[in-house]
């Protein structure tokens, strides 16, 4: 699980400067660090604390949404 977060954080750092400009225009600081406690799936007790910048959290959210859409659209019953 830690490798997924490290990969996601690295991918978020590679995003272009246009994301930062858009965030500044919205009045949000993309460099503000936000820490969240995340429950690992399959466990009721294990929690992980993850700290990322606002831009990284936004990129992680975008990637998660993209993956969900890809999975939903690749199902065979949606081919009709």
Protein backbone atom coordinates (compact mmCIF):
# COMPACT_ATOMS: atom_id res chain seq x y z
CA UNK A 1 0.00 0.00 0.00
CA UNK A 2 2.87 2.38 0.77
CA UNK A 3 4.26 1.94 -2.74
CA UNK A 4 0.97 3.06 -4.26
CA UNK A 5 1.04 6.28 -2.23
CA UNK A 6 4.66 6.95 -3.11
CA UNK A 7 3.90 6.42 -6.80
CA UNK A 8 0.84 8.62 -6.61
CA UNK A 9 2.78 11.35 -4.82
CA UNK A 10 5.55 11.20 -7.43
CA UNK A 11 2.99 11.40 -10.24
CA UNK A 12 1.36 14.38 -8.58
CA UNK A 13 4.70 16.17 -8.34
CA UNK A 14 5.21 15.76 -12.05
CA UNK A 15 1.99 17.56 -12.94
CA UNK A 16 2.37 20.72 -14.98
CA UNK A 17 2.50 24.27 -13.70
CA UNK A 18 -0.89 25.03 -15.23
CA UNK A 19 -2.55 23.13 -12.39
CA UNK A 20 -0.88 25.46 -9.89
CA UNK A 21 -1.94 28.55 -11.85
CA UNK A 22 -5.54 27.32 -11.96
CA UNK A 23 -5.54 26.66 -8.23
CA UNK A 24 -4.18 30.14 -7.51
CA UNK A 25 -6.93 31.61 -9.66
CA UNK A 26 -9.53 29.80 -7.54
CA UNK A 27 -8.04 31.34 -4.41
CA UNK A 28 -6.67 28.04 -3.07
CA UNK A 29 -3.00 27.63 -2.25
CA UNK A 30 -1.74 24.49 -4.06
CA UNK A 31 1.34 24.35 -1.82
CA UNK A 32 -0.60 24.12 1.45
CA UNK A 33 0.12 20.80 3.15
CA UNK A 34 -2.92 18.82 4.28
CA UNK A 35 -2.68 15.68 6.42
CA UNK A 36 -5.45 13.08 6.41
CA UNK A 37 -5.97 9.80 8.22
CA UNK A 38 -6.84 7.03 5.78
CA UNK A 39 -8.28 3.67 6.77
CA UNK A 40 -6.73 0.77 4.87
CA UNK A 41 -9.23 -1.43 3.15
CA UNK A 42 -9.73 -4.86 4.63
CA UNK A 43 -8.91 -3.67 8.14
CA UNK A 44 -11.07 -1.95 10.71
CA UNK A 45 -8.14 -0.93 12.87
CA UNK A 46 -5.22 -0.01 10.62
CA UNK A 47 -5.00 3.64 9.70
CA UNK A 48 -2.31 5.52 7.83
CA UNK A 49 -1.58 9.23 8.07
CA UNK A 50 -0.83 10.78 4.69
CA UNK A 51 0.39 14.32 4.18
CA UNK A 52 0.34 15.91 0.71
CA UNK A 53 -0.05 19.36 -0.76
CA UNK A 54 -3.45 20.54 -1.99
CA UNK A 55 -2.29 20.05 -5.59
CA UNK A 56 -1.22 16.46 -4.84
CA UNK A 57 -4.57 15.65 -3.19
CA UNK A 58 -6.38 17.09 -6.22
CA UNK A 59 -4.25 14.99 -8.58
CA UNK A 60 -4.87 11.84 -6.52
CA UNK A 61 -8.61 12.52 -6.62
CA UNK A 62 -8.49 13.03 -10.41
CA UNK A 63 -6.54 9.79 -10.91
CA UNK A 64 -8.94 7.84 -8.69
CA UNK A 65 -11.95 9.18 -10.59
CA UNK A 66 -10.28 8.32 -13.91
CA UNK A 67 -9.54 4.75 -12.74
CA UNK A 68 -13.13 4.23 -11.56
CA UNK A 69 -14.50 5.44 -14.90
CA UNK A 70 -12.08 3.17 -16.77
CA UNK A 71 -13.18 0.13 -14.74
CA UNK A 72 -16.86 0.93 -15.14
CA UNK A 73 -16.57 1.46 -18.89
CA UNK A 74 -14.55 -1.73 -19.47
CA UNK A 75 -17.26 -4.06 -18.15
CA UNK A 76 -18.65 -6.37 -20.84
CA UNK A 77 -22.31 -5.58 -20.11
CA UNK A 78 -21.69 -1.93 -20.98
CA UNK A 79 -20.63 -2.84 -24.52
CA UNK A 80 -24.17 -2.65 -25.95
